[in-house]
Amino acid sequence: MALQLCLNEVGGFRMDSFSERLKYQKMVYLMQLFGIDLGYRFEWYLRGPYCTELTADGFEIDKHRERMEEYVKDYELSNEAREKLARFRDMISRPPADGLSQESWLELLASVHYLAQIAYVKNPEDREYDRVSARLRGKKPWYKKEQIAQAWSLLKTYGLLKEGP
């Protein structure tokens, strides 16, 4: 129910296509960074942070969409949750880096954050911009250096990264 309420607050979600499911995964990953802990834990996968349970829950909600929409009408988010989601919505409403679709931009934002803050690293220097950028380009060479820099900057602007270029 909390997942449905939060996603409704930021424009909803679909599970109809791979790109919609990718967007859904990255939105929830990023949403949780703003203090909306829905209990999902992510691991690195081919397209960045991924949570199997989140996918299963998304399909379950989608399967019973009408019933879920009716059920959540009796509930509302706290003012604190709404404020956090407003900050999240503000961040994701910013235009994507040049040449990127919305889902590719969300994938990049989530991937940069994951590699900089979550992924296991042996040395603290591996969390710095240059090393994160190099690791990301090794895993996802289609992202341009300028796009990665733009994602890093946006994440820093919202206080989601501790280190910086």
Protein backbone atom coordinates (compact mmCIF):
# COMPACT_ATOMS: atom_id res chain seq x y z
CA MET A 1 0.00 0.00 0.00
CA ALA A 2 2.82 2.45 0.87
CA LEU A 3 4.48 1.74 -2.47
CA GLN A 4 1.24 2.45 -4.33
CA LEU A 5 0.61 5.67 -2.40
CA CYS A 6 4.14 6.96 -3.00
CA LEU A 7 4.09 6.13 -6.69
CA ASN A 8 0.69 7.76 -7.08
CA GLU A 9 2.14 10.90 -5.50
CA VAL A 10 4.89 11.09 -8.15
CA GLY A 11 2.79 10.23 -11.19
CA GLY A 12 2.19 6.48 -11.02
CA PHE A 13 3.93 3.64 -12.80
CA ARG A 14 3.39 1.01 -15.48
CA MET A 15 4.74 -2.51 -15.95
CA ASP A 16 3.75 -2.88 -19.62
CA SER A 17 7.22 -2.72 -21.18
CA PHE A 18 10.86 -3.18 -20.26
CA SER A 19 11.47 0.58 -20.36
CA GLU A 20 8.55 1.17 -17.97
CA ARG A 21 9.82 -1.51 -15.58
CA LEU A 22 13.32 0.00 -15.73
CA LYS A 23 11.90 3.43 -14.92
CA TYR A 24 9.87 1.94 -12.04
CA GLN A 25 12.94 0.25 -10.51
CA LYS A 26 15.09 3.37 -10.70
CA MET A 27 12.34 5.65 -9.43
CA VAL A 28 11.88 3.56 -6.29
CA TYR A 29 15.64 3.31 -5.76
CA LEU A 30 16.00 7.08 -6.01
CA MET A 31 12.83 7.77 -4.03
CA GLN A 32 14.22 5.84 -1.07
CA LEU A 33 17.30 8.10 -1.08
CA PHE A 34 15.01 10.96 -0.08
CA GLY A 35 14.02 9.19 3.14
CA ILE A 36 11.04 7.19 1.87
CA ASP A 37 12.17 3.78 3.11
CA LEU A 38 9.84 1.27 1.53
CA GLY A 39 12.04 -1.62 2.64
CA TYR A 40 13.52 -2.49 -0.75
CA ARG A 41 17.20 -3.38 -0.95
CA PHE A 42 19.03 -3.27 -4.25
CA GLU A 43 21.92 -5.15 -5.78
CA TRP A 44 23.94 -4.35 -8.89
CA TYR A 45 22.57 -5.90 -12.07
CA LEU A 46 23.05 -5.28 -15.79
CA ARG A 47 21.11 -2.00 -15.80
CA GLY A 48 22.27 -0.75 -12.40
CA PRO A 49 20.57 -1.14 -9.02
CA TYR A 50 17.87 -3.80 -9.12
CA CYS A 51 15.52 -5.41 -6.59
CA THR A 52 13.75 -8.68 -7.41
CA GLU A 53 11.12 -8.15 -4.70
CA LEU A 54 10.26 -4.73 -6.11
CA THR A 55 9.62 -6.24 -9.54
CA ALA A 56 7.37 -8.91 -8.02
CA ASP A 57 5.44 -6.27 -6.05
CA GLY A 58 5.06 -4.11 -9.15
CA PHE A 59 3.56 -6.98 -11.14
CA GLU A 60 1.26 -7.82 -8.23
CA ILE A 61 0.01 -4.24 -7.96
CA ASP A 62 -0.37 -4.07 -11.73
CA LYS A 63 -2.35 -7.32 -11.76
CA HIS A 64 -4.80 -5.93 -9.19
CA ARG A 65 -4.53 -2.25 -10.20
CA GLU A 66 -8.23 -1.35 -9.95
CA ARG A 67 -8.65 -3.01 -6.58
CA MET A 68 -5.44 -1.38 -5.27
CA GLU A 69 -6.53 2.07 -6.45
CA GLU A 70 -9.84 1.62 -4.68
CA TYR A 71 -8.14 0.36 -1.50
CA VAL A 72 -5.62 3.21 -1.20
CA LYS A 73 -8.35 5.85 -1.50
CA ASP A 74 -8.93 5.42 2.23
CA TYR A 75 -5.30 6.29 3.09
CA GLU A 76 -3.02 9.24 2.65
CA LEU A 77 0.64 10.02 3.05
CA SER A 78 1.93 12.09 5.95
CA ASN A 79 2.95 15.70 5.32
CA GLU A 80 6.56 14.68 5.94
CA ALA A 81 6.37 11.97 3.26
CA ARG A 82 4.73 14.40 0.84
CA GLU A 83 7.55 16.91 1.39
CA LYS A 84 10.20 14.27 0.73
CA LEU A 85 8.39 13.11 -2.39
CA ALA A 86 8.09 16.72 -3.58
CA ARG A 87 11.91 17.04 -3.41
CA PHE A 88 12.25 13.73 -5.24
CA ARG A 89 9.73 14.81 -7.89
CA ASP A 90 11.63 18.09 -8.29
CA MET A 91 14.86 16.20 -8.97
CA ILE A 92 13.42 13.75 -11.49
CA SER A 93 11.50 16.51 -13.28
CA ARG A 94 14.78 18.15 -14.29
CA PRO A 95 15.54 17.58 -17.97
CA PRO A 96 17.66 14.49 -18.67
CA ALA A 97 21.24 14.90 -19.82
CA ASP A 98 21.51 15.54 -23.55
CA GLY A 99 20.64 12.51 -25.65
CA LEU A 100 19.07 10.46 -22.85
CA SER A 101 15.50 9.25 -22.46
CA GLN A 102 13.87 9.61 -19.06
CA GLU A 103 14.45 5.95 -18.17
CA SER A 104 18.12 6.09 -19.28
CA TRP A 105 18.60 9.24 -17.19
CA LEU A 106 17.06 7.57 -14.13
CA GLU A 107 19.27 4.53 -14.75
CA LEU A 108 22.33 6.77 -14.87
CA LEU A 109 21.39 8.66 -11.69
CA ALA A 110 20.74 5.43 -9.78
CA SER A 111 23.91 3.78 -11.13
CA VAL A 112 26.15 6.72 -10.25
CA HIS A 113 24.72 6.82 -6.73
CA TYR A 114 25.01 3.07 -6.23
CA LEU A 115 28.65 2.96 -7.36
CA ALA A 116 29.56 6.05 -5.31
CA GLN A 117 27.72 5.22 -2.09
CA ILE A 118 26.52 1.61 -1.91
CA ALA A 119 28.81 -0.73 -3.86
CA TYR A 120 31.58 -2.45 -1.96
CA VAL A 121 34.95 -0.81 -2.57
CA LYS A 122 38.33 -1.56 -1.03
CA ASN A 123 39.57 2.02 -1.01
CA PRO A 124 37.64 5.16 -0.06
CA GLU A 125 39.13 6.85 -3.15
CA ASP A 126 37.01 4.50 -5.25
CA ARG A 127 33.98 6.58 -4.21
CA GLU A 128 35.42 9.75 -5.73
CA TYR A 129 34.07 11.15 -8.96
CA ASP A 130 36.93 10.18 -11.31
CA ARG A 131 36.96 6.55 -10.19
CA VAL A 132 33.16 6.19 -10.15
CA SER A 133 33.00 7.72 -13.62
CA ALA A 134 35.67 5.33 -14.93
CA ARG A 135 33.97 2.28 -13.38
CA LEU A 136 30.62 3.31 -14.77
CA ARG A 137 32.03 3.87 -18.26
CA GLY A 138 33.57 0.39 -18.03
CA LYS A 139 30.18 -1.13 -17.19
CA LYS A 140 28.05 1.16 -19.37
CA PRO A 141 30.23 2.60 -22.16
CA TRP A 142 27.25 4.18 -23.92
CA TYR A 143 27.10 6.92 -21.27
CA LYS A 144 29.22 9.95 -22.15
CA LYS A 145 31.53 11.59 -19.63
CA GLU A 146 29.44 14.78 -19.78
CA GLN A 147 26.27 12.84 -18.93
CA ILE A 148 27.94 11.19 -15.96
CA ALA A 149 29.21 14.58 -14.76
CA GLN A 150 25.71 16.02 -15.06
CA ALA A 151 24.24 13.11 -13.07
CA TRP A 152 26.93 13.50 -10.38
CA SER A 153 26.23 17.23 -10.14
CA LEU A 154 22.47 16.74 -9.79
CA LEU A 155 22.90 14.07 -7.10
CA LYS A 156 25.26 16.41 -5.21
CA THR A 157 22.79 19.29 -5.52
CA TYR A 158 20.21 17.20 -3.68
CA GLY A 159 22.69 16.05 -1.03
CA LEU A 160 22.76 12.44 -2.23
CA LEU A 161 26.55 12.17 -2.69
CA LYS A 162 29.24 12.75 -0.09
CA GLU A 163 32.23 13.21 -2.41
CA GLY A 164 32.61 15.41 -5.47
CA PRO A 165 34.73 16.38 -8.44
